[in-house]
Amino acid sequence: MKYIISNIQNEKASYQHLIDFYLKGKNSKDIEISFYFWFAANMSAAVGGILDVLKKDGSIFSIGEITNSIEKILTKNGFLCHHFNYPKTTDIHHTTIPYKKLPSQSGPLFNDYVSYYLFERNEMPQMSQGVKDKMIELISEIFVNAQIHSGTEYVYACGQFFPYKNKIEFTIVDTGVGFKEKVNRKFNRNLSAGQAIQWAVQDKNTTKDITGGIGLAMLKEFTDYNKGKIQIVSADGYYQFSNGEEFIGSFDGAFPGTIVNIQFKTNDNRSYMLKKELDINNIF
């Protein structure tokens, strides 16, 4: 099978494109992938998860055609190096957050990865050490809950700084049990996948038994201040929070796990501190 992955942005249509790739790949053992036009490098995490799921079923992959710009960014972040033995190239402009495939038992490694590659970046909004520590804890909770409750073997992560768009996109992916099954089974609900994600990210409904749990609710709060975005894909459900508004939807077909994408706006001039760090009404 030959499949073209093209124009992958951080938007619902691009997630559908990757789901289509997964569904078509399930029916083929020899798959040649070509990359065209545009590929948001943080989405390497989602493609990496799909490749491993299909490999378990015996699929073999090769690279067909790939545009120079996409090859360059995917050798800078290490994705092509990991999955297709390309030589790594140096990221002299420091726009990538490396592609990582981590065993689900390696929570401390993920914590260090997030701390160094995401929150030590100069482009991130100004934060006190207390806020940094809390944000690292919240994002690491997504990893820990994927390990404990989704049954995933690996967790995939990757990020990208888009300087001309003033944003950093950071993506975490697992290939385990999704929101719909966990919420409906534990709480005796009959929600769609999109509704289950929306239910889980509400502060009053968070639970350690839901991937992300309280971490996602608090990240949603920070995103509201920062004017960023959260996107979650789980099975055939889609959830997005941006500009103070929620959107839920569905896909044709299902992703084999969960994608959490967090967008941080880098042109945010606020200085973030925890309320307990100052005896004033602060913002987080």
Protein backbone atom coordinates (compact mmCIF):
# COMPACT_ATOMS: atom_id res chain seq x y z
CA MET A 1 0.00 0.00 0.00
CA LYS A 2 1.18 3.49 -0.80
CA TYR A 3 -0.13 6.27 1.42
CA ILE A 4 0.49 10.01 1.26
CA ILE A 5 0.56 11.94 4.54
CA SER A 6 0.14 15.58 3.58
CA ASN A 7 -0.74 18.97 5.05
CA ILE A 8 -0.76 17.81 8.66
CA GLN A 9 -1.67 20.74 10.90
CA ASN A 10 -2.82 20.81 14.50
CA GLU A 11 -6.48 20.65 13.59
CA LYS A 12 -9.36 18.18 13.49
CA ALA A 13 -9.07 17.45 9.75
CA SER A 14 -5.45 16.39 10.19
CA TYR A 15 -6.34 13.99 12.99
CA GLN A 16 -8.94 12.48 10.67
CA HIS A 17 -6.23 12.13 8.01
CA LEU A 18 -4.05 10.13 10.42
CA ILE A 19 -6.99 7.97 11.48
CA ASP A 20 -7.61 7.22 7.78
CA PHE A 21 -3.96 6.21 7.47
CA TYR A 22 -4.32 3.84 10.43
CA LEU A 23 -7.53 2.27 9.10
CA LYS A 24 -6.10 1.70 5.63
CA GLY A 25 -2.86 0.40 7.10
CA LYS A 26 -4.74 -2.29 9.02
CA ASN A 27 -5.47 -3.99 5.70
CA SER A 28 -1.92 -3.94 4.36
CA LYS A 29 1.36 -5.54 5.42
CA ASP A 30 3.71 -3.60 3.14
CA ILE A 31 3.22 0.14 3.51
CA GLU A 32 5.12 2.92 1.73
CA ILE A 33 4.58 6.37 3.27
CA SER A 34 5.20 9.63 1.43
CA PHE A 35 5.19 13.04 3.14
CA TYR A 36 4.12 16.14 1.22
CA PHE A 37 3.49 19.88 1.65
CA TRP A 38 3.45 20.40 5.43
CA PHE A 39 3.86 18.33 8.55
CA ALA A 40 3.57 19.83 12.04
CA ALA A 41 6.49 18.04 13.67
CA ASN A 42 4.79 17.56 17.06
CA MET A 43 2.37 15.22 15.27
CA SER A 44 5.26 12.77 14.99
CA ALA A 45 4.02 11.42 18.33
CA ALA A 46 0.68 10.40 16.78
CA VAL A 47 2.30 8.84 13.70
CA GLY A 48 4.79 6.97 15.88
CA GLY A 49 1.99 5.42 17.89
CA ILE A 50 0.15 4.36 14.73
CA LEU A 51 3.29 2.80 13.24
CA ASP A 52 3.89 0.69 16.34
CA VAL A 53 0.28 -0.51 16.52
CA LEU A 54 0.41 -1.58 12.87
CA LYS A 55 3.84 -3.17 13.31
CA LYS A 56 2.37 -5.42 15.99
CA ASP A 57 0.02 -6.75 13.31
CA GLY A 58 2.98 -7.48 11.04
CA SER A 59 3.10 -4.36 8.88
CA ILE A 60 6.42 -3.32 7.36
CA PHE A 61 7.06 0.35 6.53
CA SER A 62 9.24 2.26 4.12
CA ILE A 63 9.55 5.90 3.10
CA GLY A 64 8.57 6.83 -0.44
CA GLU A 65 8.83 10.47 -1.43
CA ILE A 66 9.38 13.14 1.18
CA THR A 67 9.80 16.88 0.68
CA ASN A 68 13.12 18.38 1.76
CA SER A 69 11.60 20.60 4.43
CA ILE A 70 9.73 17.71 6.06
CA GLU A 71 12.77 15.43 5.92
CA LYS A 72 14.83 18.16 7.54
CA ILE A 73 12.47 18.75 10.47
CA LEU A 74 11.85 15.02 11.05
CA THR A 75 15.57 14.30 11.19
CA LYS A 76 16.06 17.23 13.55
CA ASN A 77 13.48 15.91 16.00
CA GLY A 78 14.63 12.30 15.58
CA PHE A 79 11.40 10.75 14.26
CA LEU A 80 12.84 9.48 10.96
CA CYS A 81 15.98 8.40 12.79
CA HIS A 82 14.03 6.27 15.25
CA HIS A 83 11.60 4.60 12.84
CA PHE A 84 13.49 4.60 9.52
CA ASN A 85 17.21 4.79 10.44
CA TYR A 86 17.79 8.22 8.92
CA PRO A 87 20.90 10.04 10.19
CA LYS A 88 20.06 12.74 12.72
CA THR A 89 20.65 16.39 11.83
CA THR A 90 21.41 19.23 14.21
CA ASP A 91 18.63 21.62 15.15
CA ILE A 92 20.67 24.81 15.03
CA HIS A 93 17.58 27.01 15.43
CA HIS A 94 16.29 25.02 18.45
CA THR A 95 12.72 24.84 17.20
CA THR A 96 12.14 21.15 17.90
CA ILE A 97 11.30 19.27 21.06
CA PRO A 98 12.72 15.78 20.42
CA TYR A 99 10.52 12.85 19.49
CA LYS A 100 10.48 10.32 22.32
CA LYS A 101 9.07 6.82 22.59
CA LEU A 102 9.21 5.93 26.28
CA PRO A 103 8.23 2.69 27.99
CA SER A 104 5.17 3.31 30.13
CA GLN A 105 7.17 2.53 33.29
CA SER A 106 9.63 5.40 32.72
CA GLY A 107 7.71 8.24 34.37
CA PRO A 108 10.82 9.92 35.87
CA LEU A 109 12.44 10.07 32.42
CA PHE A 110 9.34 11.73 31.00
CA ASN A 111 9.32 14.21 33.89
CA ASP A 112 12.95 15.16 33.13
CA TYR A 113 12.18 15.38 29.42
CA VAL A 114 9.27 17.79 29.95
CA SER A 115 11.24 19.84 32.44
CA TYR A 116 14.28 20.31 30.23
CA TYR A 117 12.91 20.40 26.70
CA LEU A 118 9.68 22.29 27.35
CA PHE A 119 9.85 24.41 30.50
CA GLU A 120 13.48 25.45 30.21
CA ARG A 121 12.79 27.02 26.82
CA ASN A 122 13.24 30.79 26.75
CA GLU A 123 10.16 31.11 24.54
CA MET A 124 7.79 29.81 27.20
CA PRO A 125 5.75 32.43 29.13
CA GLN A 126 7.41 33.77 32.25
CA MET A 127 6.65 31.52 35.22
CA SER A 128 7.80 31.31 38.81
CA GLN A 129 9.54 28.09 39.81
CA GLY A 130 6.36 27.12 41.64
CA VAL A 131 4.28 27.40 38.47
CA LYS A 132 6.90 25.52 36.44
CA ASP A 133 6.93 22.70 38.97
CA LYS A 134 3.12 22.55 38.97
CA MET A 135 2.91 22.52 35.17
CA ILE A 136 5.52 19.76 34.92
CA GLU A 137 3.55 17.79 37.50
CA LEU A 138 0.28 18.26 35.57
CA ILE A 139 1.75 17.16 32.24
CA SER A 140 3.57 14.25 33.86
CA GLU A 141 0.25 13.15 35.35
CA ILE A 142 -0.99 12.50 31.80
CA PHE A 143 1.94 10.11 31.34
CA VAL A 144 1.43 8.38 34.70
CA ASN A 145 -2.29 7.87 34.16
CA ALA A 146 -1.67 6.52 30.66
CA GLN A 147 0.72 4.04 32.23
CA ILE A 148 -1.62 2.98 35.04
CA HIS A 149 -5.06 3.09 33.46
CA SER A 150 -4.81 2.89 29.67
CA GLY A 151 -2.70 -0.26 29.49
CA THR A 152 -0.38 1.29 26.90
CA GLU A 153 3.06 -0.24 26.41
CA TYR A 154 4.69 3.01 25.33
CA VAL A 155 3.98 6.72 25.52
CA TYR A 156 5.02 8.94 22.61
CA ALA A 157 5.81 12.63 22.89
CA CYS A 158 7.06 15.39 20.62
CA GLY A 159 6.88 19.16 20.31
CA GLN A 160 7.54 22.03 17.95
CA PHE A 161 8.15 25.76 18.33
CA PHE A 162 6.57 27.84 15.56
CA PRO A 163 8.30 31.23 15.95
CA TYR A 164 6.29 33.04 13.26
CA LYS A 165 3.03 31.83 14.80
CA ASN A 166 4.12 32.56 18.40
CA LYS A 167 3.28 29.10 19.69
CA ILE A 168 4.69 25.84 21.00
CA GLU A 169 2.74 22.66 20.32
CA PHE A 170 3.42 19.70 22.62
CA THR A 171 1.82 16.31 22.00
CA ILE A 172 1.52 13.19 24.17
CA VAL A 173 0.14 9.93 22.76
CA ASP A 174 -0.72 6.51 24.15
CA THR A 175 -2.11 3.44 22.41
CA GLY A 176 -4.22 2.11 25.27
CA VAL A 177 -7.81 2.24 26.47
CA GLY A 178 -9.50 5.57 25.77
CA PHE A 179 -11.79 7.96 27.64
CA LYS A 180 -15.09 6.50 26.46
CA GLU A 181 -14.49 3.02 27.80
CA LYS A 182 -13.03 4.22 31.10
CA VAL A 183 -15.74 6.80 31.86
CA ASN A 184 -18.72 4.70 30.80
CA ARG A 185 -17.54 1.57 32.54
CA LYS A 186 -16.54 3.19 35.83
CA PHE A 187 -19.44 5.63 36.14
CA ASN A 188 -22.15 3.62 34.39
CA ARG A 189 -22.62 6.26 31.69
CA ASN A 190 -23.48 5.95 28.01
CA LEU A 191 -21.52 8.86 26.59
CA SER A 192 -20.00 9.22 23.16
CA ALA A 193 -16.20 9.42 23.06
CA GLY A 194 -16.32 13.21 22.66
CA GLN A 195 -18.77 13.59 25.53
CA ALA A 196 -16.63 11.33 27.71
CA ILE A 197 -13.57 13.52 27.14
CA GLN A 198 -15.58 16.67 27.89
CA TRP A 199 -16.97 15.09 31.06
CA ALA A 200 -13.51 14.04 32.24
CA VAL A 201 -11.85 17.44 31.86
CA GLN A 202 -14.43 19.22 33.99
CA ASP A 203 -12.91 20.04 37.37
CA LYS A 204 -15.81 18.60 39.36
CA ASN A 205 -15.63 15.32 37.47
CA THR A 206 -11.89 14.64 37.44
CA THR A 207 -10.71 11.36 38.83
CA LYS A 208 -7.44 9.50 39.08
CA ASP A 209 -9.10 6.74 37.07
CA ILE A 210 -9.36 8.90 33.97
CA THR A 211 -6.27 9.51 31.87
CA GLY A 212 -5.15 13.05 32.59
CA GLY A 213 -7.61 13.53 35.45
CA ILE A 214 -7.05 16.67 37.48
CA GLY A 215 -4.02 17.43 35.35
CA LEU A 216 -6.14 18.12 32.28
CA ALA A 217 -8.59 20.29 34.21
CA MET A 218 -5.79 22.49 35.56
CA LEU A 219 -4.00 22.59 32.22
CA LYS A 220 -7.28 23.78 30.72
CA GLU A 221 -7.30 26.60 33.29
CA PHE A 222 -3.75 27.65 32.40
CA THR A 223 -4.59 27.46 28.69
CA ASP A 224 -7.47 29.86 29.26
CA TYR A 225 -5.11 32.45 30.75
CA ASN A 226 -2.43 31.88 28.12
CA LYS A 227 -4.89 32.01 25.16
CA GLY A 228 -3.52 28.66 24.01
CA LYS A 229 -5.36 25.47 23.13
CA ILE A 230 -5.96 21.90 24.26
CA GLN A 231 -6.97 19.18 21.81
CA ILE A 232 -7.79 15.60 22.78
CA VAL A 233 -8.43 12.72 20.41
CA SER A 234 -9.56 9.45 21.94
CA ALA A 235 -10.98 6.60 19.84
CA ASP A 236 -13.54 8.35 17.58
CA GLY A 237 -14.00 11.35 19.87
CA TYR A 238 -12.60 14.86 19.59
CA TYR A 239 -12.42 17.64 22.18
CA GLN A 240 -10.97 21.13 21.84
CA PHE A 241 -10.74 24.02 24.27
CA SER A 242 -9.59 27.44 23.04
CA ASN A 243 -10.60 31.07 23.49
CA GLY A 244 -12.75 30.06 26.45
CA GLU A 245 -14.93 27.75 24.34
CA GLU A 246 -15.29 23.98 24.14
CA PHE A 247 -15.94 21.98 21.01
CA ILE A 248 -16.68 18.26 20.84
CA GLY A 249 -16.97 16.17 17.73
CA SER A 250 -16.39 12.75 16.25
CA PHE A 251 -14.35 11.06 13.54
CA ASP A 252 -15.03 8.52 10.86
CA GLY A 253 -13.18 5.63 12.46
CA ALA A 254 -11.15 5.61 15.66
CA PHE A 255 -7.60 6.44 16.67
CA PRO A 256 -6.02 3.45 18.48
CA GLY A 257 -5.52 5.27 21.77
CA THR A 258 -5.43 8.88 22.94
CA ILE A 259 -3.72 12.05 21.73
CA VAL A 260 -3.36 15.08 24.01
CA ASN A 261 -2.03 18.20 22.30
CA ILE A 262 -1.30 21.36 24.29
CA GLN A 263 -0.60 24.68 22.61
CA PHE A 264 1.29 27.35 24.54
CA LYS A 265 1.26 30.91 23.20
CA THR A 266 4.76 32.39 23.35
CA ASN A 267 3.72 36.05 22.88
CA ASP A 268 2.05 35.99 26.30
CA ASN A 269 3.47 38.89 28.33
CA ARG A 270 1.99 37.74 31.65
CA SER A 271 4.21 36.62 34.50
CA TYR A 272 2.69 33.56 36.16
CA MET A 273 2.90 32.84 39.88
CA LEU A 274 0.92 30.63 42.21
CA LYS A 275 -1.54 32.39 44.50
CA LYS A 276 0.26 31.01 47.53
CA GLU A 277 3.51 32.63 46.34
CA LEU A 278 2.06 36.13 46.69
CA ASP A 279 -0.48 37.46 49.14
CA ILE A 280 -2.53 39.01 46.34
CA ASN A 281 -5.19 37.81 43.96
CA ASN A 282 -2.91 36.30 41.32
CA ILE A 283 -3.91 34.41 38.23
CA PHE A 284 -3.11 30.75 38.73
